[in-house]
Amino acid sequence: MTFTNKHKLKILKQYIIGWTLAFIFLSIIKAPAEINLSTAIITSLLMGPVFGSISGFSIILTEQYGYKKMPFKKLLILRLIYAFLFVAAIVYIAFLVFKKENSLYEFLFEPGTFAVYFYLIVVDILMLLLRQINLFLGGNNLWKLLVGDFYEPRDEERIFMFIDLKDSTVHAEKLGHIQYSKMIQDCFNDIGVVVENEAEIYQYVGDEVILTWKYKDGLRNYNCINAYYDFINKLNSKNEYYLNTYKVVPHFKAGVNSGIVTVTEVGKFKKEIAYHGDTINTASRIQGKCNELEQDLLISDSIKKGLSKNTYFNFKKMPKIKLKGKNEEVKTYSVEKN
């Protein structure tokens, strides 16, 4: 799993806020009798960012270095061990702050303390579960689901990019299903670099990835173009790894389009955020023309018009293409780095 600075800061922010709120709630219901509430809350405001940062960094390290090294059940056991050590550290610091006149043993086993220990472990596990759910939903969709943003269908202007593996059939036949799946898994881990370009990973479909942006976010700083090249650069930087492991260097082609789509939550027993509309179909079909036009990256006219002038990319107008299911021909442009 690839982590960028923006992504790390986002995780840290979530954990700092979560642990700060948890400590404040604990202060309200379980402040020592000799400590007034305001002091307990101020202490919580100081402890929350510290322990939130520690917990957040542990999640970052676990996800970055652990997911490909061992199965999830072993990672869960390590997380439980961490939770006990984490709680022990919190309790010891609380002892130093609040109960210096008592022995550590008395502080550990005074009435009600085991409820506090249980509370802290539950908070850590809850933060872990919320993190996993957020990974499944992508972006900030968990919060949006909770507040009902997607309950009623609504329109949004968005950019979609379809990224597909070139020569996938050849690779699958050469590697076999297991090795091919492992290579796709590695590629999809490496595509995590696109979060630095404010991209949301919408779906994985076979050997294809669908990225999306809010319209202005995708155009800003050429995010919807840079995302593709950052991913390709990431793969190129690991050429030796892919050659040694799979005897091939994967390469991807992409198509990009923008327009109005409808977003809503779908499913009863398996919830999912879904986008519907011709914008998505057109992006997919533009990507499907990459091989025919011998191009790696094609964008629609709507994307080209929205981008500001620059000296980093060269856009070449391609012949109008007839897309299946559309009456009008679509203008497309190839993109190359200068």
Protein backbone atom coordinates (compact mmCIF):
# COMPACT_ATOMS: atom_id res chain seq x y z
CA MET A 1 0.00 0.00 0.00
CA THR A 2 1.42 3.35 -1.07
CA PHE A 3 1.26 6.32 1.23
CA THR A 4 1.80 9.97 0.34
CA ASN A 5 2.27 12.89 2.72
CA LYS A 6 -1.31 14.06 2.17
CA HIS A 7 -2.62 10.59 2.86
CA LYS A 8 -0.57 10.25 6.05
CA LEU A 9 -1.76 13.64 7.30
CA LYS A 10 -5.35 12.63 6.60
CA ILE A 11 -5.01 9.46 8.69
CA LEU A 12 -3.27 11.35 11.51
CA LYS A 13 -6.01 13.98 11.50
CA GLN A 14 -8.71 11.31 11.83
CA TYR A 15 -6.93 9.59 14.72
CA ILE A 16 -6.11 12.83 16.53
CA ILE A 17 -9.74 13.96 16.36
CA GLY A 18 -11.01 10.50 17.35
CA TRP A 19 -8.74 10.10 20.37
CA THR A 20 -9.24 13.69 21.52
CA LEU A 21 -13.01 13.21 21.53
CA ALA A 22 -12.59 9.87 23.30
CA PHE A 23 -10.46 11.45 26.06
CA ILE A 24 -12.87 14.36 26.48
CA PHE A 25 -15.79 11.95 26.85
CA LEU A 26 -13.79 9.91 29.36
CA SER A 27 -12.96 13.09 31.31
CA ILE A 28 -16.61 14.02 31.55
CA ILE A 29 -17.73 10.64 32.90
CA LYS A 30 -14.61 9.57 34.84
CA ALA A 31 -12.62 12.59 36.03
CA PRO A 32 -10.88 12.02 39.41
CA ALA A 33 -12.81 13.58 42.27
CA GLU A 34 -10.01 15.97 43.23
CA ILE A 35 -9.56 17.19 39.64
CA ASN A 36 -12.08 19.74 38.35
CA LEU A 37 -13.72 19.10 34.99
CA SER A 38 -12.03 21.95 33.16
CA THR A 39 -8.58 20.67 34.13
CA ALA A 40 -9.50 17.16 33.04
CA ILE A 41 -10.74 18.43 29.67
CA ILE A 42 -7.61 20.54 29.11
CA THR A 43 -5.51 17.47 29.88
CA SER A 44 -7.59 15.51 27.38
CA LEU A 45 -7.00 18.18 24.73
CA LEU A 46 -3.26 17.75 25.31
CA MET A 47 -3.28 13.96 25.45
CA GLY A 48 -5.60 13.46 22.47
CA PRO A 49 -3.20 14.78 19.80
CA VAL A 50 -0.24 12.94 21.37
CA PHE A 51 -1.88 9.53 21.59
CA GLY A 52 -3.84 10.11 18.37
CA SER A 53 -0.55 10.71 16.55
CA ILE A 54 1.00 7.59 18.06
CA SER A 55 -2.03 5.48 17.15
CA GLY A 56 -2.24 7.02 13.68
CA PHE A 57 1.43 6.36 12.95
CA SER A 58 1.00 2.75 14.06
CA ILE A 59 -1.85 2.33 11.55
CA ILE A 60 0.21 3.92 8.78
CA LEU A 61 3.15 1.60 9.47
CA THR A 62 0.87 -1.43 9.74
CA GLU A 63 -0.88 -0.71 6.44
CA GLN A 64 2.28 0.29 4.61
CA TYR A 65 4.52 -2.58 5.67
CA GLY A 66 2.25 -5.23 7.10
CA TYR A 67 -0.54 -5.98 4.62
CA LYS A 68 1.69 -7.76 2.10
CA LYS A 69 3.84 -9.51 4.72
CA MET A 70 1.27 -11.48 6.72
CA PRO A 71 -2.45 -12.38 6.71
CA PHE A 72 -4.95 -10.03 8.31
CA LYS A 73 -5.58 -12.29 11.32
CA LYS A 74 -1.91 -11.98 12.36
CA LEU A 75 -2.09 -8.23 11.87
CA LEU A 76 -5.17 -8.18 14.09
CA ILE A 77 -3.29 -10.06 16.82
CA LEU A 78 -0.44 -7.55 16.58
CA ARG A 79 -2.97 -4.74 16.81
CA LEU A 80 -4.44 -6.22 19.98
CA ILE A 81 -0.95 -6.47 21.50
CA TYR A 82 -0.37 -2.87 20.52
CA ALA A 83 -3.73 -1.88 22.09
CA PHE A 84 -2.74 -3.39 25.45
CA LEU A 85 0.65 -1.66 25.37
CA PHE A 86 -1.03 1.56 24.29
CA VAL A 87 -3.50 1.41 27.18
CA ALA A 88 -0.66 0.60 29.60
CA ALA A 89 1.16 3.75 28.45
CA ILE A 90 -1.99 5.86 28.86
CA VAL A 91 -2.61 4.48 32.36
CA TYR A 92 0.98 5.10 33.44
CA ILE A 93 0.89 8.70 32.19
CA ALA A 94 -2.44 9.20 33.95
CA PHE A 95 -0.84 7.87 37.13
CA LEU A 96 1.99 10.38 36.86
CA VAL A 97 -0.45 13.22 36.24
CA PHE A 98 -3.25 12.47 38.69
CA LYS A 99 -2.09 10.04 41.42
CA LYS A 100 1.50 10.70 42.38
CA GLU A 101 0.75 10.24 46.09
CA ASN A 102 -0.56 6.69 45.56
CA SER A 103 1.34 3.61 44.53
CA LEU A 104 1.07 2.42 40.95
CA TYR A 105 -0.54 -0.82 42.18
CA GLU A 106 -3.27 1.09 44.03
CA PHE A 107 -3.86 3.26 41.00
CA LEU A 108 -4.10 0.28 38.66
CA PHE A 109 -6.66 -1.60 40.72
CA GLU A 110 -8.77 1.13 42.26
CA PRO A 111 -12.55 0.69 41.73
CA GLY A 112 -13.74 1.50 38.23
CA THR A 113 -10.35 1.38 36.53
CA PHE A 114 -11.03 -1.80 34.58
CA ALA A 115 -14.03 -0.10 32.95
CA VAL A 116 -11.62 2.63 31.80
CA TYR A 117 -9.16 0.06 30.43
CA PHE A 118 -11.96 -1.65 28.56
CA TYR A 119 -13.17 1.70 27.21
CA LEU A 120 -9.71 2.58 25.85
CA ILE A 121 -9.28 -0.81 24.16
CA VAL A 122 -12.76 -0.56 22.64
CA VAL A 123 -11.95 2.93 21.32
CA ASP A 124 -8.78 1.63 19.65
CA ILE A 125 -10.64 -1.31 18.09
CA LEU A 126 -13.49 0.97 16.99
CA MET A 127 -11.00 3.35 15.32
CA LEU A 128 -9.45 0.36 13.54
CA LEU A 129 -12.86 -0.87 12.33
CA LEU A 130 -13.84 2.59 11.12
CA ARG A 131 -10.54 2.80 9.28
CA GLN A 132 -11.21 -0.52 7.54
CA ILE A 133 -14.74 0.53 6.57
CA ASN A 134 -13.37 3.81 5.22
CA LEU A 135 -10.86 1.87 3.11
CA PHE A 136 -13.69 -0.19 1.60
CA LEU A 137 -15.84 2.86 0.83
CA GLY A 138 -12.98 5.16 -0.20
CA GLY A 139 -12.48 8.88 0.35
CA ASN A 140 -14.75 10.45 2.99
CA ASN A 141 -17.73 8.39 1.91
CA LEU A 142 -18.22 6.79 5.33
CA TRP A 143 -19.15 10.12 6.91
CA LYS A 144 -21.31 11.03 3.91
CA LEU A 145 -23.14 7.72 4.23
CA LEU A 146 -23.73 8.23 7.95
CA VAL A 147 -25.27 11.68 7.45
CA GLY A 148 -27.36 10.45 4.51
CA ASP A 149 -25.74 12.46 1.72
CA PHE A 150 -26.29 9.64 -0.77
CA TYR A 151 -29.70 8.42 0.35
CA GLU A 152 -31.50 10.42 -2.33
CA PRO A 153 -29.95 10.44 -5.84
CA ARG A 154 -28.38 13.78 -6.74
CA ASP A 155 -26.37 15.20 -9.60
CA GLU A 156 -22.68 16.09 -9.45
CA GLU A 157 -20.22 17.35 -12.02
CA ARG A 158 -17.31 14.93 -11.98
CA ILE A 159 -14.27 13.69 -13.84
CA PHE A 160 -13.77 9.96 -14.42
CA MET A 161 -10.62 8.15 -15.49
CA PHE A 162 -10.61 4.53 -16.60
CA ILE A 163 -7.16 2.92 -16.30
CA ASP A 164 -6.74 -0.49 -17.89
CA LEU A 165 -3.81 -2.92 -18.15
CA LYS A 166 -2.42 -3.27 -21.67
CA ASP A 167 -2.02 -6.80 -23.06
CA SER A 168 -3.87 -8.27 -20.09
CA THR A 169 -4.77 -11.49 -21.91
CA VAL A 170 -1.14 -12.11 -22.89
CA HIS A 171 0.03 -11.48 -19.32
CA ALA A 172 -2.65 -13.78 -17.87
CA GLU A 173 -1.72 -16.64 -20.21
CA LYS A 174 1.99 -16.18 -19.55
CA LEU A 175 1.80 -15.89 -15.77
CA GLY A 176 -1.13 -18.11 -14.89
CA HIS A 177 -4.10 -16.98 -12.78
CA ILE A 178 -2.35 -16.87 -9.40
CA GLN A 179 0.75 -14.94 -10.48
CA TYR A 180 -1.37 -12.67 -12.67
CA SER A 181 -3.63 -11.87 -9.72
CA LYS A 182 -0.59 -11.11 -7.56
CA MET A 183 0.75 -8.75 -10.22
CA ILE A 184 -2.60 -6.94 -10.42
CA GLN A 185 -2.59 -6.74 -6.62
CA ASP A 186 0.84 -5.09 -6.70
CA CYS A 187 -0.22 -2.67 -9.43
CA PHE A 188 -3.33 -1.68 -7.52
CA ASN A 189 -1.24 -1.09 -4.41
CA ASP A 190 1.03 1.18 -6.43
CA ILE A 191 -1.89 3.16 -7.81
CA GLY A 192 -2.32 4.53 -4.31
CA VAL A 193 -0.02 7.38 -5.38
CA VAL A 194 -3.02 9.04 -7.05
CA VAL A 195 -4.43 10.16 -3.70
CA GLU A 196 -1.73 12.84 -3.82
CA ASN A 197 -3.59 14.15 -6.87
CA GLU A 198 -6.86 14.31 -4.88
CA ALA A 199 -8.23 11.29 -6.77
CA GLU A 200 -10.85 8.99 -5.29
CA ILE A 201 -10.54 5.33 -6.23
CA TYR A 202 -14.10 4.51 -7.23
CA GLN A 203 -13.89 0.85 -8.29
CA TYR A 204 -11.59 -2.01 -9.19
CA VAL A 205 -13.04 -4.02 -12.06
CA GLY A 206 -10.86 -6.98 -13.08
CA ASP A 207 -7.60 -5.42 -14.27
CA GLU A 208 -9.17 -1.97 -14.55
CA VAL A 209 -9.32 0.89 -12.03
CA ILE A 210 -11.83 3.74 -12.11
CA LEU A 211 -10.72 7.05 -10.58
CA THR A 212 -12.94 10.05 -10.00
CA TRP A 213 -12.66 13.69 -8.93
CA LYS A 214 -15.03 16.52 -8.26
CA TYR A 215 -14.75 18.62 -11.39
CA LYS A 216 -12.73 21.53 -9.96
CA ASP A 217 -10.49 19.21 -7.91
CA GLY A 218 -9.60 17.19 -10.99
CA LEU A 219 -8.72 20.24 -13.07
CA ARG A 220 -6.75 21.98 -10.32
CA ASN A 221 -3.00 21.56 -10.83
CA TYR A 222 -3.80 19.17 -13.70
CA ASN A 223 -4.65 16.49 -11.12
CA CYS A 224 -6.60 14.35 -13.58
CA ILE A 225 -3.58 14.23 -15.91
CA ASN A 226 -0.80 14.08 -13.32
CA ALA A 227 -2.50 11.13 -11.59
CA TYR A 228 -1.91 8.95 -14.63
CA TYR A 229 1.74 9.95 -15.02
CA ASP A 230 2.45 9.64 -11.29
CA PHE A 231 1.11 6.08 -11.44
CA ILE A 232 3.19 5.28 -14.52
CA ASN A 233 6.28 6.80 -12.88
CA LYS A 234 5.65 4.64 -9.82
CA LEU A 235 5.51 1.51 -11.97
CA ASN A 236 8.64 2.55 -13.89
CA SER A 237 10.53 3.06 -10.62
CA LYS A 238 9.75 -0.59 -9.80
CA ASN A 239 10.70 -2.04 -13.18
CA GLU A 240 13.33 -4.27 -11.62
CA TYR A 241 10.87 -5.61 -9.06
CA TYR A 242 8.22 -6.46 -11.68
CA LEU A 243 10.79 -8.04 -14.00
CA ASN A 244 12.32 -10.16 -11.25
CA THR A 245 8.95 -11.19 -9.82
CA TYR A 246 6.72 -11.54 -12.89
CA LYS A 247 9.12 -11.34 -15.88
CA VAL A 248 7.00 -8.49 -17.29
CA VAL A 249 6.64 -4.74 -16.76
CA PRO A 250 2.94 -3.82 -16.60
CA HIS A 251 1.78 -0.82 -18.57
CA PHE A 252 -1.59 0.89 -18.41
CA LYS A 253 -3.66 2.99 -20.78
CA ALA A 254 -6.29 5.50 -19.69
CA GLY A 255 -9.29 7.49 -20.88
CA VAL A 256 -10.68 10.60 -19.17
CA ASN A 257 -14.02 12.38 -19.45
CA SER A 258 -16.09 14.86 -17.45
CA GLY A 259 -19.76 15.69 -17.10
CA ILE A 260 -22.85 15.42 -14.95
CA VAL A 261 -23.47 12.11 -13.17
CA THR A 262 -25.99 10.92 -10.62
CA VAL A 263 -24.61 9.66 -7.30
CA THR A 264 -26.55 7.56 -4.80
CA GLU A 265 -26.18 4.68 -2.38
CA VAL A 266 -27.33 1.32 -3.68
CA GLY A 267 -27.84 -2.11 -2.18
CA LYS A 268 -29.63 -3.43 0.86
CA PHE A 269 -27.32 -6.10 2.27
CA LYS A 270 -24.15 -4.67 0.68
CA LYS A 271 -24.04 -0.88 0.55
CA GLU A 272 -22.10 0.89 -2.17
CA ILE A 273 -21.78 4.43 -3.48
CA ALA A 274 -22.68 4.31 -7.17
CA TYR A 275 -22.36 6.82 -10.01
CA HIS A 276 -24.65 6.61 -13.02
CA GLY A 277 -24.65 8.44 -16.31
CA ASP A 278 -23.39 8.70 -19.85
CA THR A 279 -20.25 10.51 -18.62
CA ILE A 280 -18.92 7.27 -17.17
CA ASN A 281 -19.79 5.19 -20.23
CA THR A 282 -18.04 7.70 -22.48
CA ALA A 283 -14.89 7.68 -20.32
CA SER A 284 -14.80 3.88 -20.56
CA ARG A 285 -15.22 3.91 -24.33
CA ILE A 286 -12.56 6.59 -24.78
CA GLN A 287 -10.15 4.36 -22.89
CA GLY A 288 -11.19 1.50 -25.15
CA LYS A 289 -9.94 3.50 -28.16
CA CYS A 290 -6.36 3.79 -26.84
CA ASN A 291 -5.15 0.63 -28.58
CA GLU A 292 -6.83 1.52 -31.87
CA LEU A 293 -5.29 5.01 -31.88
CA GLU A 294 -1.97 3.75 -30.45
CA GLN A 295 -2.11 6.16 -27.51
CA ASP A 296 -1.57 5.67 -23.77
CA LEU A 297 -3.74 8.54 -22.56
CA LEU A 298 -6.81 10.01 -24.25
CA ILE A 299 -8.99 12.81 -22.89
CA SER A 300 -12.32 14.16 -24.06
CA ASP A 301 -12.91 17.65 -25.44
CA SER A 302 -14.68 18.60 -22.20
CA ILE A 303 -11.50 17.91 -20.23
CA LYS A 304 -9.32 19.79 -22.72
CA LYS A 305 -11.56 22.88 -22.55
CA GLY A 306 -11.51 22.87 -18.75
CA LEU A 307 -7.73 22.74 -18.37
CA SER A 308 -5.71 25.92 -18.13
CA LYS A 309 -2.81 26.59 -20.49
CA ASN A 310 0.47 24.98 -19.48
CA THR A 311 3.92 24.05 -20.76
CA TYR A 312 4.06 20.60 -19.13
CA PHE A 313 1.84 18.64 -21.50
CA ASN A 314 1.33 18.45 -25.22
CA PHE A 315 -2.19 17.84 -26.51
CA LYS A 316 -2.72 16.44 -29.97
CA LYS A 317 -6.15 16.52 -31.55
CA MET A 318 -7.18 13.05 -32.65
CA PRO A 319 -9.67 12.18 -35.40
CA LYS A 320 -13.26 12.29 -34.18
CA ILE A 321 -14.30 8.87 -33.02
CA LYS A 322 -17.64 7.18 -33.14
CA LEU A 323 -18.42 5.62 -29.81
CA LYS A 324 -20.84 2.72 -29.60
CA GLY A 325 -24.22 3.86 -28.35
CA LYS A 326 -23.67 7.57 -29.10
CA ASN A 327 -25.16 9.39 -32.07
CA GLU A 328 -22.57 12.18 -32.20
CA GLU A 329 -18.88 11.67 -32.75
CA VAL A 330 -16.66 12.57 -29.81
CA LYS A 331 -13.60 14.81 -29.94
CA THR A 332 -10.59 13.41 -28.17
CA TYR A 333 -7.00 14.46 -27.55
CA SER A 334 -3.90 12.46 -26.86
CA VAL A 335 -1.66 13.66 -24.03
CA GLU A 336 2.11 13.51 -23.84
CA LYS A 337 4.53 15.01 -21.37
CA ASN A 338 6.82 17.70 -22.75
